[in-house]
């Protein structure tokens, strides 16, 4: 049993199941900022709220530079 529980793939799968999906507001913000920053829309590929927040922060920085 320890061989299975110590497997890196199993550990990652458990982490993935605990991730919260991005909110509709986060996805809308990603689309909006992507257009402003003139970068491809990443709203379809973000997997978690945390990843969405990171991308939103980065896009805000990039949009400020445009």
PDB file of N, CA and C in Angstrom:
ATOM      1  N   UNK A   1       0.820  -1.191   0.000  1.00  0.00           N
ATOM      2  CA  UNK A   1       0.000   0.000   0.000  1.00  0.00           C
ATOM      3  C   UNK A   1       0.870   1.265   0.000  1.00  0.00           C
ATOM      4  N   UNK A   2       1.977   1.269   0.709  1.00  0.00           N
ATOM      5  CA  UNK A   2       2.858   2.432   0.728  1.00  0.00           C
ATOM      6  C   UNK A   2       3.444   2.723  -0.640  1.00  0.00           C
ATOM      7  N   UNK A   3       3.679   1.694  -1.437  1.00  0.00           N
ATOM      8  CA  UNK A   3       4.200   1.925  -2.791  1.00  0.00           C
ATOM      9  C   UNK A   3       3.231   2.777  -3.605  1.00  0.00           C
ATOM     10  N   UNK A   4       1.956   2.527  -3.450  1.00  0.00           N
ATOM     11  CA  UNK A   4       0.943   3.285  -4.186  1.00  0.00           C
ATOM     12  C   UNK A   4       0.815   4.703  -3.635  1.00  0.00           C
ATOM     13  N   UNK A   5       0.753   4.826  -2.319  1.00  0.00           N
ATOM     14  CA  UNK A   5       0.562   6.139  -1.711  1.00  0.00           C
ATOM     15  C   UNK A   5       1.772   7.044  -1.863  1.00  0.00           C
ATOM     16  N   UNK A   6       2.934   6.471  -2.078  1.00  0.00           N
ATOM     17  CA  UNK A   6       4.150   7.256  -2.236  1.00  0.00           C
ATOM     18  C   UNK A   6       4.415   7.626  -3.695  1.00  0.00           C
ATOM     19  N   UNK A   7       3.581   7.158  -4.597  1.00  0.00           N
ATOM     20  CA  UNK A   7       3.754   7.419  -6.022  1.00  0.00           C
ATOM     21  C   UNK A   7       3.481   8.903  -6.312  1.00  0.00           C
ATOM     22  N   UNK A   8       4.393   9.559  -7.017  1.00  0.00           N
ATOM     23  CA  UNK A   8       4.257  10.991  -7.312  1.00  0.00           C
ATOM     24  C   UNK A   8       2.990  11.276  -8.121  1.00  0.00           C
ATOM     25  N   UNK A   9       2.620  10.392  -9.020  1.00  0.00           N
ATOM     26  CA  UNK A   9       1.416  10.600  -9.825  1.00  0.00           C
ATOM     27  C   UNK A   9       0.165  10.581  -8.956  1.00  0.00           C
ATOM     28  N   UNK A  10       0.130   9.717  -7.963  1.00  0.00           N
ATOM     29  CA  UNK A  10      -1.012   9.654  -7.058  1.00  0.00           C
ATOM     30  C   UNK A  10      -1.085  10.932  -6.220  1.00  0.00           C
ATOM     31  N   UNK A  11       0.045  11.384  -5.734  1.00  0.00           N
ATOM     32  CA  UNK A  11       0.096  12.613  -4.936  1.00  0.00           C
ATOM     33  C   UNK A  11      -0.402  13.791  -5.773  1.00  0.00           C
ATOM     34  N   UNK A  12       0.051  13.894  -7.029  1.00  0.00           N
ATOM     35  CA  UNK A  12      -0.384  14.984  -7.903  1.00  0.00           C
ATOM     36  C   UNK A  12      -1.878  14.883  -8.189  1.00  0.00           C
ATOM     37  N   UNK A  13      -2.377  13.686  -8.408  1.00  0.00           N
ATOM     38  CA  UNK A  13      -3.808  13.507  -8.667  1.00  0.00           C
ATOM     39  C   UNK A  13      -4.643  13.968  -7.478  1.00  0.00           C
ATOM     40  N   UNK A  14      -4.184  13.695  -6.279  1.00  0.00           N
ATOM     41  CA  UNK A  14      -4.896  14.155  -5.083  1.00  0.00           C
ATOM     42  C   UNK A  14      -4.890  15.679  -4.992  1.00  0.00           C
ATOM     43  N   UNK A  15      -3.766  16.282  -5.322  1.00  0.00           N
ATOM     44  CA  UNK A  15      -3.698  17.744  -5.311  1.00  0.00           C
ATOM     45  C   UNK A  15      -4.653  18.332  -6.344  1.00  0.00           C
ATOM     46  N   UNK A  16      -4.696  17.708  -7.537  1.00  0.00           N
ATOM     47  CA  UNK A  16      -5.555  18.197  -8.607  1.00  0.00           C
ATOM     48  C   UNK A  16      -7.027  18.146  -8.224  1.00  0.00           C
ATOM     49  N   UNK A  17      -7.418  17.126  -7.494  1.00  0.00           N
ATOM     50  CA  UNK A  17      -8.824  17.011  -7.111  1.00  0.00           C
ATOM     51  C   UNK A  17      -9.210  18.068  -6.084  1.00  0.00           C
ATOM     52  N   UNK A  18      -8.248  18.602  -5.363  1.00  0.00           N
ATOM     53  CA  UNK A  18      -8.530  19.612  -4.348  1.00  0.00           C
ATOM     54  C   UNK A  18      -8.524  21.033  -4.916  1.00  0.00           C
ATOM     55  N   UNK A  19      -8.026  21.218  -6.149  1.00  0.00           N
ATOM     56  CA  UNK A  19      -7.971  22.543  -6.750  1.00  0.00           C
ATOM     57  C   UNK A  19      -9.381  23.058  -7.038  1.00  0.00           C
ATOM     58  N   UNK A  20      -9.589  24.312  -6.741  1.00  0.00           N
ATOM     59  CA  UNK A  20     -10.862  24.934  -7.066  1.00  0.00           C
ATOM     60  C   UNK A  20     -10.805  25.470  -8.486  1.00  0.00           C
ATOM     61  N   UNK A  21     -11.877  25.283  -9.203  1.00  0.00           N
ATOM     62  CA  UNK A  21     -11.965  25.775 -10.579  1.00  0.00           C
ATOM     63  C   UNK A  21     -12.040  27.295 -10.571  1.00  0.00           C
ATOM     64  N   UNK A  22     -11.552  27.939 -11.647  1.00  0.00           N
ATOM     65  CA  UNK A  22     -11.658  29.402 -11.718  1.00  0.00           C
ATOM     66  C   UNK A  22     -13.120  29.833 -11.782  1.00  0.00           C
ATOM     67  N   UNK A  23     -13.394  31.003 -11.241  1.00  0.00           N
ATOM     68  CA  UNK A  23     -14.756  31.529 -11.246  1.00  0.00           C
ATOM     69  C   UNK A  23     -15.084  32.132 -12.611  1.00  0.00           C
ATOM     70  N   UNK A  24     -16.357  32.330 -12.849  1.00  0.00           N
ATOM     71  CA  UNK A  24     -16.795  32.970 -14.097  1.00  0.00           C
ATOM     72  C   UNK A  24     -16.222  34.381 -14.197  1.00  0.00           C
ATOM     73  N   UNK A  25     -16.137  35.058 -13.062  1.00  0.00           N
ATOM     74  CA  UNK A  25     -15.580  36.420 -13.052  1.00  0.00           C
ATOM     75  C   UNK A  25     -14.102  36.411 -13.437  1.00  0.00           C
ATOM     76  N   UNK A  26     -13.361  35.440 -12.926  1.00  0.00           N
ATOM     77  CA  UNK A  26     -11.944  35.341 -13.268  1.00  0.00           C
ATOM     78  C   UNK A  26     -11.779  35.074 -14.765  1.00  0.00           C
ATOM     79  N   UNK A  27     -12.592  34.179 -15.306  1.00  0.00           N
ATOM     80  CA  UNK A  27     -12.487  33.855 -16.730  1.00  0.00           C
ATOM     81  C   UNK A  27     -12.832  35.063 -17.597  1.00  0.00           C
ATOM     82  N   UNK A  28     -13.852  35.814 -17.195  1.00  0.00           N
ATOM     83  CA  UNK A  28     -14.217  37.022 -17.939  1.00  0.00           C
ATOM     84  C   UNK A  28     -13.092  38.052 -17.875  1.00  0.00           C
ATOM     85  N   UNK A  29     -12.481  38.196 -16.716  1.00  0.00           N
ATOM     86  CA  UNK A  29     -11.369  39.139 -16.558  1.00  0.00           C
ATOM     87  C   UNK A  29     -10.173  38.721 -17.408  1.00  0.00           C
ATOM     88  N   UNK A  30      -9.898  37.423 -17.468  1.00  0.00           N
ATOM     89  CA  UNK A  30      -8.809  36.937 -18.318  1.00  0.00           C
ATOM     90  C   UNK A  30      -9.064  37.278 -19.779  1.00  0.00           C
ATOM     91  N   UNK A  31     -10.279  37.075 -20.252  1.00  0.00           N
ATOM     92  CA  UNK A  31     -10.618  37.403 -21.643  1.00  0.00           C
ATOM     93  C   UNK A  31     -10.443  38.887 -21.906  1.00  0.00           C
ATOM     94  N   UNK A  32     -10.952  39.708 -20.995  1.00  0.00           N
ATOM     95  CA  UNK A  32     -10.874  41.160 -21.161  1.00  0.00           C
ATOM     96  C   UNK A  32      -9.428  41.646 -21.187  1.00  0.00           C
ATOM     97  N   UNK A  33      -8.641  41.179 -20.227  1.00  0.00           N
ATOM     98  CA  UNK A  33      -7.245  41.622 -20.156  1.00  0.00           C
ATOM     99  C   UNK A  33      -6.409  41.084 -21.318  1.00  0.00           C
ATOM    100  N   UNK A  34      -6.724  39.894 -21.786  1.00  0.00           N
ATOM    101  CA  UNK A  34      -6.002  39.335 -22.931  1.00  0.00           C
ATOM    102  C   UNK A  34      -6.183  40.225 -24.153  1.00  0.00           C
ATOM    103  N   UNK A  35      -7.402  40.725 -24.353  1.00  0.00           N
ATOM    104  CA  UNK A  35      -7.656  41.619 -25.484  1.00  0.00           C
ATOM    105  C   UNK A  35      -6.894  42.927 -25.337  1.00  0.00           C
ATOM    106  N   UNK A  36      -6.891  43.477 -24.133  1.00  0.00           N
ATOM    107  CA  UNK A  36      -6.179  44.737 -23.892  1.00  0.00           C
ATOM    108  C   UNK A  36      -4.676  44.563 -24.085  1.00  0.00           C
ATOM    109  N   UNK A  37      -4.129  43.455 -23.564  1.00  0.00           N
ATOM    110  CA  UNK A  37      -2.685  43.221 -23.640  1.00  0.00           C
ATOM    111  C   UNK A  37      -2.266  42.626 -24.989  1.00  0.00           C
ATOM    112  N   UNK A  38      -3.241  42.331 -25.816  1.00  0.00           N
ATOM    113  CA  UNK A  38      -2.981  41.750 -27.146  1.00  0.00           C
ATOM    114  C   UNK A  38      -2.199  40.449 -27.076  1.00  0.00           C
ATOM    115  N   UNK A  39      -2.670  39.552 -26.228  1.00  0.00           N
ATOM    116  CA  UNK A  39      -2.083  38.216 -26.086  1.00  0.00           C
ATOM    117  C   UNK A  39      -3.192  37.183 -26.278  1.00  0.00           C
ATOM    118  N   UNK A  40      -2.831  35.951 -26.617  1.00  0.00           N
ATOM    119  CA  UNK A  40      -3.861  34.910 -26.769  1.00  0.00           C
ATOM    120  C   UNK A  40      -4.657  34.715 -25.485  1.00  0.00           C
ATOM    121  N   UNK A  41      -5.940  34.468 -25.650  1.00  0.00           N
ATOM    122  CA  UNK A  41      -6.848  34.265 -24.518  1.00  0.00           C
ATOM    123  C   UNK A  41      -6.509  32.949 -23.824  1.00  0.00           C
ATOM    124  N   UNK A  42      -6.208  33.012 -22.536  1.00  0.00           N
ATOM    125  CA  UNK A  42      -5.845  31.820 -21.763  1.00  0.00           C
ATOM    126  C   UNK A  42      -6.988  31.337 -20.883  1.00  0.00           C
ATOM    127  N   UNK A  43      -8.157  31.949 -21.018  1.00  0.00           N
ATOM    128  CA  UNK A  43      -9.252  31.596 -20.116  1.00  0.00           C
ATOM    129  C   UNK A  43      -9.717  30.154 -20.289  1.00  0.00           C
ATOM    130  N   UNK A  44      -9.468  29.570 -21.440  1.00  0.00           N
ATOM    131  CA  UNK A  44      -9.898  28.190 -21.679  1.00  0.00           C
ATOM    132  C   UNK A  44      -8.946  27.163 -21.069  1.00  0.00           C
ATOM    133  N   UNK A  45      -7.729  27.571 -20.728  1.00  0.00           N
ATOM    134  CA  UNK A  45      -6.739  26.584 -20.284  1.00  0.00           C
ATOM    135  C   UNK A  45      -6.355  26.683 -18.809  1.00  0.00           C
ATOM    136  N   UNK A  46      -6.817  27.725 -18.115  1.00  0.00           N
ATOM    137  CA  UNK A  46      -6.486  27.805 -16.691  1.00  0.00           C
ATOM    138  C   UNK A  46      -7.237  26.720 -15.933  1.00  0.00           C
ATOM    139  N   UNK A  47      -6.560  26.110 -14.961  1.00  0.00           N
ATOM    140  CA  UNK A  47      -7.127  24.962 -14.269  1.00  0.00           C
ATOM    141  C   UNK A  47      -7.579  25.257 -12.843  1.00  0.00           C
ATOM    142  N   UNK A  48      -7.132  26.380 -12.288  1.00  0.00           N
ATOM    143  CA  UNK A  48      -7.473  26.644 -10.888  1.00  0.00           C
ATOM    144  C   UNK A  48      -7.649  28.136 -10.649  1.00  0.00           C
ATOM    145  N   UNK A  49      -8.268  28.439  -9.518  1.00  0.00           N
ATOM    146  CA  UNK A  49      -8.424  29.840  -9.119  1.00  0.00           C
ATOM    147  C   UNK A  49      -7.060  30.503  -8.948  1.00  0.00           C
ATOM    148  N   UNK A  50      -6.139  29.756  -8.347  1.00  0.00           N
ATOM    149  CA  UNK A  50      -4.807  30.300  -8.106  1.00  0.00           C
ATOM    150  C   UNK A  50      -4.105  30.642  -9.423  1.00  0.00           C
ATOM    151  N   UNK A  51      -4.162  29.736 -10.378  1.00  0.00           N
ATOM    152  CA  UNK A  51      -3.535  29.991 -11.680  1.00  0.00           C
ATOM    153  C   UNK A  51      -4.199  31.180 -12.369  1.00  0.00           C
ATOM    154  N   UNK A  52      -5.512  31.284 -12.269  1.00  0.00           N
ATOM    155  CA  UNK A  52      -6.225  32.404 -12.874  1.00  0.00           C
ATOM    156  C   UNK A  52      -5.778  33.720 -12.256  1.00  0.00           C
ATOM    157  N   UNK A  53      -5.642  33.762 -10.938  1.00  0.00           N
ATOM    158  CA  UNK A  53      -5.198  34.988 -10.271  1.00  0.00           C
ATOM    159  C   UNK A  53      -3.788  35.394 -10.715  1.00  0.00           C
ATOM    160  N   UNK A  54      -2.919  34.421 -10.857  1.00  0.00           N
ATOM    161  CA  UNK A  54      -1.551  34.706 -11.305  1.00  0.00           C
ATOM    162  C   UNK A  54      -1.570  35.285 -12.712  1.00  0.00           C
ATOM    163  N   UNK A  55      -2.338  34.659 -13.602  1.00  0.00           N
ATOM    164  CA  UNK A  55      -2.417  35.151 -14.983  1.00  0.00           C
ATOM    165  C   UNK A  55      -3.055  36.523 -15.052  1.00  0.00           C
ATOM    166  N   UNK A  56      -4.080  36.758 -14.238  1.00  0.00           N
ATOM    167  CA  UNK A  56      -4.724  38.076 -14.215  1.00  0.00           C
ATOM    168  C   UNK A  56      -3.722  39.136 -13.774  1.00  0.00           C
ATOM    169  N   UNK A  57      -2.969  38.851 -12.728  1.00  0.00           N
ATOM    170  CA  UNK A  57      -1.963  39.806 -12.248  1.00  0.00           C
ATOM    171  C   UNK A  57      -0.940  40.106 -13.338  1.00  0.00           C
ATOM    172  N   UNK A  58      -0.454  39.053 -14.014  1.00  0.00           N
ATOM    173  CA  UNK A  58       0.538  39.233 -15.071  1.00  0.00           C
ATOM    174  C   UNK A  58      -0.031  40.033 -16.242  1.00  0.00           C
ATOM    175  N   UNK A  59      -1.281  39.744 -16.601  1.00  0.00           N
ATOM    176  CA  UNK A  59      -1.906  40.470 -17.706  1.00  0.00           C
ATOM    177  C   UNK A  59      -2.148  41.933 -17.354  1.00  0.00           C
ATOM    178  N   UNK A  60      -2.478  42.213 -16.111  1.00  0.00           N
ATOM    179  CA  UNK A  60      -2.647  43.611 -15.692  1.00  0.00           C
ATOM    180  C   UNK A  60      -1.336  44.373 -15.861  1.00  0.00           C
ATOM    181  N   UNK A  61      -0.236  43.742 -15.475  1.00  0.00           N
ATOM    182  CA  UNK A  61       1.078  44.361 -15.647  1.00  0.00           C
ATOM    183  C   UNK A  61       1.370  44.598 -17.126  1.00  0.00           C
ATOM    184  N   UNK A  62       1.101  43.611 -17.944  1.00  0.00           N
ATOM    185  CA  UNK A  62       1.359  43.717 -19.378  1.00  0.00           C
ATOM    186  C   UNK A  62       0.453  44.769 -20.010  1.00  0.00           C
ATOM    187  N   UNK A  63      -0.813  44.797 -19.607  1.00  0.00           N
ATOM    188  CA  UNK A  63      -1.756  45.768 -20.157  1.00  0.00           C
ATOM    189  C   UNK A  63      -1.335  47.199 -19.817  1.00  0.00           C
ATOM    190  N   UNK A  64      -0.765  47.378 -18.632  1.00  0.00           N
ATOM    191  CA  UNK A  64      -0.272  48.708 -18.239  1.00  0.00           C
ATOM    192  C   UNK A  64       0.840  49.185 -19.156  1.00  0.00           C
ATOM    193  N   UNK A  65       1.618  48.237 -19.658  1.00  0.00           N
ATOM    194  CA  UNK A  65       2.743  48.588 -20.535  1.00  0.00           C
ATOM    195  C   UNK A  65       2.294  48.922 -21.953  1.00  0.00           C
ATOM    196  N   UNK A  66       1.114  48.436 -22.348  1.00  0.00           N
ATOM    197  CA  UNK A  66       0.619  48.661 -23.718  1.00  0.00           C
ATOM    198  C   UNK A  66       0.180  50.082 -23.943  1.00  0.00           C
TER     199      UNK A  66
END
